[in-house]
N, C-alpha and C. Protein backbone atom coordinates (compact mmCIF):
# COMPACT_ATOMS: atom_id res chain seq x y z
N MET A 1 1.10 -1.37 0.08
CA MET A 1 -0.05 0.06 -0.13
C MET A 1 0.78 1.50 0.09
N SER A 2 0.61 2.30 -0.97
CA SER A 2 1.19 3.54 -0.91
C SER A 2 1.06 4.17 0.20
N ASP A 3 1.66 5.37 0.67
CA ASP A 3 1.94 6.26 1.81
C ASP A 3 0.79 6.94 1.58
N ASP A 4 0.25 7.27 0.08
CA ASP A 4 -0.77 7.96 0.31
C ASP A 4 -2.33 7.32 0.47
N ALA A 5 -2.21 5.84 0.18
CA ALA A 5 -3.22 5.40 0.10
C ALA A 5 -3.46 4.95 1.85
N ALA A 6 -2.10 4.59 2.44
CA ALA A 6 -2.22 4.20 3.92
C ALA A 6 -2.93 5.27 4.65
N ALA A 7 -2.79 6.66 4.11
CA ALA A 7 -2.65 7.99 4.77
C ALA A 7 -4.79 8.39 4.57
N LEU A 8 -5.06 7.88 3.43
CA LEU A 8 -6.49 7.94 3.32
C LEU A 8 -7.26 6.81 3.97
N ALA A 9 -6.63 5.78 4.23
CA ALA A 9 -7.13 4.41 5.02
C ALA A 9 -7.33 4.68 6.82
N HIS A 10 -6.38 5.38 7.20
CA HIS A 10 -6.01 5.74 8.29
C HIS A 10 -7.06 7.15 8.51
N PHE A 11 -7.10 7.87 7.72
CA PHE A 11 -8.13 9.07 8.32
C PHE A 11 -9.28 8.91 8.27
N ALA A 12 -9.86 8.24 7.19
CA ALA A 12 -11.18 7.64 6.78
C ALA A 12 -11.59 6.74 8.05
N ALA A 13 -10.71 5.87 8.68
CA ALA A 13 -11.23 5.03 9.40
C ALA A 13 -11.03 5.86 10.72
N ARG A 14 -10.26 6.78 11.00
CA ARG A 14 -10.66 7.53 12.31
C ARG A 14 -12.21 8.39 12.28
N LEU A 15 -12.27 9.06 11.02
CA LEU A 15 -13.59 9.35 10.95
C LEU A 15 -14.80 8.98 11.12
N ALA A 16 -14.42 7.24 10.86
CA ALA A 16 -15.64 6.69 10.88
C ALA A 16 -15.93 6.14 12.51
N PHE A 17 -14.95 6.07 13.32
CA PHE A 17 -15.08 5.77 14.63
C PHE A 17 -14.54 6.66 15.41
N GLU A 18 -14.48 7.75 15.24
CA GLU A 18 -14.56 8.90 16.46
C GLU A 18 -15.19 9.84 15.97
N THR A 19 -15.60 10.92 16.66
CA THR A 19 -16.58 12.31 16.53
C THR A 19 -15.85 13.27 17.64
N ASP A 20 -16.01 14.34 17.92
CA ASP A 20 -15.84 15.45 18.41
C ASP A 20 -16.95 15.70 19.17
N VAL A 21 -16.81 16.55 20.36
CA VAL A 21 -17.65 17.12 21.13
C VAL A 21 -18.76 18.05 20.68
N SER A 22 -18.32 19.20 19.39
CA SER A 22 -18.94 19.85 19.10
C SER A 22 -20.15 18.96 18.08
N ASP A 23 -19.61 17.89 17.32
CA ASP A 23 -20.67 17.14 16.37
C ASP A 23 -21.30 16.44 17.37
N VAL A 24 -21.06 15.88 18.12
CA VAL A 24 -21.89 15.39 19.34
C VAL A 24 -23.03 16.45 19.84
N ALA A 25 -22.78 17.69 20.61
CA ALA A 25 -23.70 18.77 20.88
C ALA A 25 -24.29 18.94 19.63
N ALA A 26 -24.14 19.05 18.37
CA ALA A 26 -25.15 19.40 17.48
C ALA A 26 -25.93 18.27 17.02
N ASP A 27 -25.56 16.95 17.04
CA ASP A 27 -26.44 16.02 16.96
C ASP A 27 -27.43 16.07 18.08
N LEU A 28 -27.54 16.05 19.33
CA LEU A 28 -28.10 16.13 20.50
C LEU A 28 -29.05 17.29 20.53
N ALA A 29 -28.84 18.17 19.65
CA ALA A 29 -29.34 19.63 19.76
C ALA A 29 -30.28 19.72 18.55
N ALA A 30 -30.14 19.05 17.61
CA ALA A 30 -30.78 18.74 16.66
C ALA A 30 -32.05 17.27 16.40
N GLY A 31 -31.61 16.58 17.73
CA GLY A 31 -32.97 15.65 18.15
C GLY A 31 -32.47 14.68 16.81
N VAL A 32 -30.89 14.25 16.45
CA VAL A 32 -31.04 13.27 15.52
C VAL A 32 -31.39 11.90 16.04
N PRO A 33 -31.88 11.01 15.39
CA PRO A 33 -32.67 9.76 15.75
C PRO A 33 -31.57 8.79 16.31
N GLY A 34 -31.64 8.09 17.26
CA GLY A 34 -31.15 7.12 17.69
C GLY A 34 -29.57 6.99 18.22
N VAL A 35 -29.54 8.24 18.51
CA VAL A 35 -27.82 8.43 19.20
C VAL A 35 -27.99 8.30 20.45
N VAL A 36 -27.05 7.42 21.16
CA VAL A 36 -26.87 7.37 22.55
C VAL A 36 -25.38 7.61 23.24
N VAL A 37 -25.55 8.72 24.06
CA VAL A 37 -24.53 8.63 24.47
C VAL A 37 -23.92 8.21 25.69
N VAL A 38 -22.89 7.57 25.94
CA VAL A 38 -22.81 6.71 27.09
C VAL A 38 -21.74 7.16 27.88
N ASP A 39 -21.92 7.49 28.99
CA ASP A 39 -20.36 7.86 29.99
C ASP A 39 -20.09 6.71 30.56
N SER A 40 -18.68 6.26 30.50
CA SER A 40 -18.23 4.76 31.25
C SER A 40 -17.40 5.09 32.14
N ARG A 41 -17.66 6.05 33.06
CA ARG A 41 -16.62 6.70 33.95
C ARG A 41 -17.61 5.98 35.38
N SER A 42 -16.81 5.83 36.31
CA SER A 42 -17.28 5.62 37.67
C SER A 42 -18.28 6.43 38.21
N ARG A 43 -18.94 5.78 39.21
CA ARG A 43 -20.02 6.70 39.85
C ARG A 43 -19.76 8.29 40.50
N GLU A 44 -18.73 8.25 40.84
CA GLU A 44 -18.46 9.26 41.54
C GLU A 44 -18.06 10.31 40.51
N SER A 45 -17.30 10.18 39.35
CA SER A 45 -17.01 10.88 38.32
C SER A 45 -18.46 11.29 37.78
N TRP A 46 -19.37 10.47 37.31
CA TRP A 46 -20.89 11.15 36.95
C TRP A 46 -21.48 11.94 37.66
N ASP A 47 -21.44 11.52 39.23
CA ASP A 47 -21.92 12.60 39.89
C ASP A 47 -21.50 14.01 39.93
N GLN A 48 -20.00 13.69 39.89
CA GLN A 48 -19.25 15.26 39.79
C GLN A 48 -20.15 16.19 38.30
N GLY A 49 -20.44 15.41 37.20
CA GLY A 49 -21.06 15.91 36.04
C GLY A 49 -20.94 15.35 35.13
N HIS A 50 -22.02 15.22 34.18
CA HIS A 50 -21.81 14.47 32.88
C HIS A 50 -22.77 15.18 31.97
N ILE A 51 -22.67 14.53 30.50
CA ILE A 51 -23.41 14.85 29.67
C ILE A 51 -25.07 14.95 29.79
N GLU A 52 -25.67 15.77 29.77
CA GLU A 52 -27.30 15.87 29.91
C GLU A 52 -27.92 14.84 28.96
N GLY A 53 -28.81 13.92 29.56
CA GLY A 53 -28.98 12.85 28.39
C GLY A 53 -28.12 12.00 28.14
N ALA A 54 -27.19 11.69 29.00
CA ALA A 54 -26.43 10.33 28.99
C ALA A 54 -26.71 9.40 29.45
N VAL A 55 -26.30 8.07 29.08
CA VAL A 55 -26.63 6.94 30.09
C VAL A 55 -25.41 6.70 30.78
N HIS A 56 -25.48 6.40 31.98
CA HIS A 56 -24.29 6.00 32.67
C HIS A 56 -24.11 4.40 32.75
N LEU A 57 -23.11 4.38 31.99
CA LEU A 57 -22.59 2.54 31.90
C LEU A 57 -21.14 2.44 31.80
N PRO A 58 -20.78 1.97 33.48
CA PRO A 58 -19.10 1.88 33.41
C PRO A 58 -18.77 0.95 32.48
N THR A 59 -17.86 0.83 32.01
CA THR A 59 -17.09 0.13 31.08
C THR A 59 -17.18 -1.38 31.58
N ALA A 60 -16.58 -1.82 32.62
CA ALA A 60 -16.99 -3.11 33.23
C ALA A 60 -18.25 -3.75 33.34
N GLU A 61 -19.17 -2.79 33.33
CA GLU A 61 -20.59 -3.19 33.13
C GLU A 61 -21.30 -3.12 31.88
N ILE A 62 -20.53 -3.13 30.79
CA ILE A 62 -21.16 -3.16 29.34
C ILE A 62 -21.51 -4.12 29.02
N ALA A 63 -20.91 -5.35 28.83
CA ALA A 63 -21.27 -6.52 28.44
C ALA A 63 -22.40 -6.91 29.04
N ALA A 64 -22.68 -6.77 30.40
CA ALA A 64 -24.09 -7.11 31.09
C ALA A 64 -25.13 -6.37 30.74
N ARG A 65 -24.90 -4.91 30.81
CA ARG A 65 -26.14 -4.24 31.12
C ARG A 65 -26.42 -3.45 29.53
N ALA A 66 -25.56 -3.84 28.84
CA ALA A 66 -25.94 -2.69 27.10
C ALA A 66 -27.13 -3.28 26.77
N PRO A 67 -27.29 -4.50 26.47
CA PRO A 67 -28.62 -5.22 25.77
C PRO A 67 -29.79 -4.51 26.31
N GLY A 68 -29.92 -4.12 28.06
CA GLY A 68 -31.06 -3.84 28.34
C GLY A 68 -31.11 -2.59 28.40
N LEU A 69 -30.25 -1.93 28.20
CA LEU A 69 -30.35 -0.10 28.21
C LEU A 69 -29.90 0.36 26.77
N VAL A 70 -29.52 -0.28 25.95
CA VAL A 70 -29.00 0.62 24.71
C VAL A 70 -29.67 -0.27 23.45
N PRO A 71 -30.58 0.50 22.67
CA PRO A 71 -31.18 -0.23 21.81
C PRO A 71 -29.90 -0.54 20.63
N ARG A 72 -30.11 -2.20 20.34
CA ARG A 72 -29.47 -2.54 19.22
C ARG A 72 -29.13 -1.52 18.03
N GLU A 73 -29.88 -1.02 17.46
CA GLU A 73 -29.98 0.00 16.52
C GLU A 73 -29.02 1.32 16.79
N ALA A 74 -28.85 1.79 17.91
CA ALA A 74 -28.53 2.75 18.10
C ALA A 74 -27.20 3.06 17.74
N ALA A 75 -26.85 4.24 17.23
CA ALA A 75 -25.43 5.26 17.08
C ALA A 75 -24.82 5.27 18.12
N VAL A 76 -24.00 4.40 19.20
CA VAL A 76 -23.49 4.96 20.48
C VAL A 76 -22.46 5.62 19.83
N VAL A 77 -22.33 6.61 21.39
CA VAL A 77 -20.82 7.62 21.33
C VAL A 77 -20.45 7.29 22.93
N THR A 78 -19.13 6.74 22.81
CA THR A 78 -18.71 6.87 24.28
C THR A 78 -17.97 8.06 24.54
N TYR A 79 -18.15 8.23 26.08
CA TYR A 79 -17.19 9.18 26.44
C TYR A 79 -16.55 8.95 27.61
N CYS A 80 -15.23 9.29 28.28
CA CYS A 80 -14.58 9.32 29.59
C CYS A 80 -14.27 10.64 29.96
N TRP A 81 -13.30 10.84 30.70
CA TRP A 81 -12.77 12.34 31.15
C TRP A 81 -12.23 12.89 30.23
N GLY A 82 -11.23 12.40 29.38
CA GLY A 82 -10.92 13.67 28.37
C GLY A 82 -9.75 12.73 27.50
N PRO A 83 -8.91 13.85 26.95
CA PRO A 83 -7.75 13.20 26.03
C PRO A 83 -6.67 12.08 26.84
N GLY A 84 -6.34 12.52 27.77
CA GLY A 84 -5.61 11.92 28.40
C GLY A 84 -5.97 10.71 29.54
N CYS A 85 -7.17 10.27 29.01
CA CYS A 85 -7.85 9.14 29.21
C CYS A 85 -8.09 8.28 28.20
N ASN A 86 -7.91 6.87 28.09
CA ASN A 86 -8.58 5.79 27.30
C ASN A 86 -9.60 5.35 27.65
N GLY A 87 -10.40 5.63 28.53
CA GLY A 87 -11.80 4.84 29.15
C GLY A 87 -12.62 4.98 27.83
N ALA A 88 -12.89 5.59 27.01
CA ALA A 88 -13.66 5.73 26.02
C ALA A 88 -13.40 4.88 24.95
N THR A 89 -12.10 4.69 25.01
CA THR A 89 -11.81 3.65 23.68
C THR A 89 -11.91 2.38 24.09
N ARG A 90 -12.01 2.13 25.64
CA ARG A 90 -12.07 0.43 26.12
C ARG A 90 -13.55 0.35 25.98
N ALA A 91 -14.15 1.57 26.34
CA ALA A 91 -15.68 1.08 26.60
C ALA A 91 -16.53 1.07 24.94
N ALA A 92 -15.62 1.90 23.95
CA ALA A 92 -16.33 1.66 22.70
C ALA A 92 -15.98 0.33 22.39
N LEU A 93 -14.95 -0.06 22.70
CA LEU A 93 -14.44 -1.64 21.98
C LEU A 93 -15.37 -2.57 22.57
N GLU A 94 -15.68 -2.44 23.98
CA GLU A 94 -16.75 -3.14 24.68
C GLU A 94 -18.13 -2.99 23.80
N PHE A 95 -18.61 -2.00 23.18
CA PHE A 95 -19.60 -1.85 22.32
C PHE A 95 -19.64 -2.68 21.10
N ALA A 96 -18.32 -2.38 20.54
CA ALA A 96 -18.23 -3.14 19.15
C ALA A 96 -18.32 -4.58 19.59
N LYS A 97 -17.56 -5.25 20.31
CA LYS A 97 -17.76 -6.59 20.56
C LYS A 97 -19.36 -7.21 20.90
N LEU A 98 -19.94 -6.54 21.14
CA LEU A 98 -21.46 -6.49 21.28
C LEU A 98 -22.36 -6.60 20.05
N GLY A 99 -21.45 -5.92 19.28
CA GLY A 99 -22.00 -5.57 17.50
C GLY A 99 -22.65 -4.24 17.37
N TYR A 100 -22.60 -3.40 18.07
CA TYR A 100 -22.97 -1.94 18.09
C TYR A 100 -22.33 -1.18 17.20
N ARG A 101 -23.24 -0.29 16.55
CA ARG A 101 -22.20 0.95 15.98
C ARG A 101 -21.70 1.59 17.04
N VAL A 102 -20.67 2.00 16.58
CA VAL A 102 -20.03 2.73 18.10
C VAL A 102 -19.17 4.17 17.42
N LYS A 103 -18.98 5.09 18.20
CA LYS A 103 -18.14 5.95 18.14
C LYS A 103 -17.46 6.64 19.39
N GLU A 104 -16.03 6.61 19.75
CA GLU A 104 -15.13 7.44 20.56
C GLU A 104 -15.50 8.82 20.60
N MET A 105 -16.14 9.61 21.38
CA MET A 105 -15.69 11.13 21.62
C MET A 105 -14.65 11.74 22.08
N ILE A 106 -14.08 12.22 21.08
CA ILE A 106 -12.96 12.57 21.59
C ILE A 106 -12.66 13.91 22.44
N GLY A 107 -11.67 13.99 23.23
CA GLY A 107 -12.26 15.20 24.18
C GLY A 107 -12.61 15.18 25.74
N GLY A 108 -13.93 13.84 25.21
CA GLY A 108 -14.35 13.41 26.40
C GLY A 108 -14.88 14.74 27.31
N PHE A 109 -15.36 14.20 28.28
CA PHE A 109 -15.94 15.24 29.03
C PHE A 109 -15.37 16.57 29.59
N GLU A 110 -14.01 16.44 29.35
CA GLU A 110 -13.42 17.78 29.67
C GLU A 110 -13.41 18.42 28.85
N TYR A 111 -13.28 18.34 27.45
CA TYR A 111 -13.52 19.29 26.32
C TYR A 111 -15.23 19.47 26.19
N TRP A 112 -15.85 18.76 26.44
CA TRP A 112 -17.66 18.83 26.27
C TRP A 112 -17.65 20.12 27.57
N ALA A 113 -17.11 20.04 28.58
CA ALA A 113 -17.42 21.22 29.42
C ALA A 113 -16.49 22.63 29.18
N ARG A 114 -15.27 22.32 28.52
CA ARG A 114 -14.49 23.67 28.31
C ARG A 114 -15.13 24.44 27.29
N GLU A 115 -16.08 23.64 26.42
CA GLU A 115 -16.47 24.35 25.13
C GLU A 115 -17.83 25.11 25.31
N GLY A 116 -18.17 24.57 26.81
CA GLY A 116 -19.52 25.35 26.95
C GLY A 116 -20.71 24.52 27.22
N PHE A 117 -20.63 23.32 26.81
CA PHE A 117 -21.83 22.69 26.49
C PHE A 117 -22.55 22.50 27.83
N PRO A 118 -23.77 21.77 28.05
CA PRO A 118 -24.37 21.86 29.38
C PRO A 118 -23.98 20.34 30.39
N VAL A 119 -23.54 20.78 31.23
CA VAL A 119 -23.32 19.82 32.24
C VAL A 119 -24.75 19.55 33.14
N GLU A 120 -24.86 18.24 33.53
CA GLU A 120 -25.65 17.65 34.41
C GLU A 120 -24.93 17.36 35.99
N THR A 121 -25.80 18.20 36.85
CA THR A 121 -25.53 17.52 38.27
C THR A 121 -26.52 17.46 39.11
N ALA A 122 -26.55 16.70 40.00
CA ALA A 122 -27.63 16.77 41.10
C ALA A 122 -28.22 18.49 41.17
N SER A 123 -27.41 19.36 41.15
CA SER A 123 -28.06 20.42 41.26
C SER A 123 -28.79 21.00 40.05
N GLY A 124 -28.61 20.40 38.95
CA GLY A 124 -29.23 20.46 37.77
C GLY A 124 -28.25 21.01 36.52
N VAL A 125 -28.44 21.55 35.50
CA VAL A 125 -27.86 21.56 34.60
C VAL A 125 -26.99 23.28 34.50
N THR A 126 -25.75 23.11 34.17
CA THR A 126 -25.04 24.49 34.18
C THR A 126 -24.12 24.49 32.68
N ARG A 127 -23.71 25.57 32.50
CA ARG A 127 -23.00 25.64 31.58
C ARG A 127 -21.47 26.46 32.12
N ARG A 128 -20.31 25.84 31.93
CA ARG A 128 -19.40 26.63 32.09
C ARG A 128 -18.96 28.01 30.68
N PRO A 129 -17.93 28.82 31.19
CA PRO A 129 -17.81 30.05 30.02
C PRO A 129 -16.94 28.99 29.17
N VAL A 130 -17.08 29.50 28.02
CA VAL A 130 -16.05 28.64 26.76
C VAL A 130 -14.68 29.09 27.13
N ASP A 131 -14.01 27.96 26.90
CA ASP A 131 -12.31 28.41 27.42
C ASP A 131 -11.90 28.65 25.59
N ALA A 132 -11.12 29.59 25.73
CA ALA A 132 -10.56 30.11 24.55
C ALA A 132 -9.59 29.26 24.14
N LEU A 133 -9.20 28.49 24.67
CA LEU A 133 -8.27 27.34 24.07
C LEU A 133 -8.79 26.12 23.36
N THR A 134 -9.98 26.16 23.36
CA THR A 134 -10.90 24.69 23.13
C THR A 134 -12.20 25.26 21.74
N ALA A 135 -12.46 26.65 21.58
CA ALA A 135 -13.39 26.71 21.02
C ALA A 135 -13.82 28.26 20.76
N PRO A 136 -14.16 28.71 19.42
CA PRO A 136 -14.14 30.06 19.55
C PRO A 136 -15.26 30.75 20.63
N VAL A 137 -14.85 31.68 21.68
CA VAL A 137 -15.84 32.36 22.73
C VAL A 137 -16.77 33.07 22.16
N SER A 138 -16.82 33.73 20.80
CA SER A 138 -18.09 34.20 20.19
C SER A 138 -19.35 33.24 20.08
N GLY A 139 -19.21 31.62 20.26
CA GLY A 139 -20.13 30.92 20.07
C GLY A 139 -20.59 30.40 18.62
N ILE A 140 -19.49 31.02 17.28
CA ILE A 140 -19.81 30.71 16.52
C ILE A 140 -19.04 29.58 16.03
N ASP A 141 -19.70 28.56 14.84
CA ASP A 141 -18.89 27.41 14.72
C ASP A 141 -17.31 27.84 13.90
N CYS A 142 -16.05 26.59 14.49
CA CYS A 142 -14.75 27.04 14.29
C CYS A 142 -14.71 26.55 12.89
N ALA A 143 -15.72 26.19 11.93
CA ALA A 143 -15.46 25.87 10.60
C ALA A 143 -14.62 25.05 9.97
N CYS A 144 -14.09 24.05 11.15
CA CYS A 144 -13.31 22.95 10.60
C CYS A 144 -13.99 21.86 10.50
């Protein structure tokens, strides 16, 4: 395989199996049917804050509990803490083993919160100010 073909295959595969927080937020805001966002972190992490509407399903419980919680036809998006954690990758692998269509949300919960998207806690839903190092503070799309 030539370097050009290898690069094409590599980047096409990444886009097939990864998504980012902005795209997930846009899908949720648009009400795209069948999207199920799964938080694979511990109960303590979930309680600290999570994506509004996400399903809490720690990685170790996916094999046993996913069939009863997540429709087989769903487009599953997994997330964990952030780019320094591969928990979402492990969770996505567990869903793939079960035959689900799955993508990993790169950036994880950290970038979700840093980009100013809604975070749910026991106190309700809040938004943090947009971090200028992660997204345009004007609220416009980065157009990437």
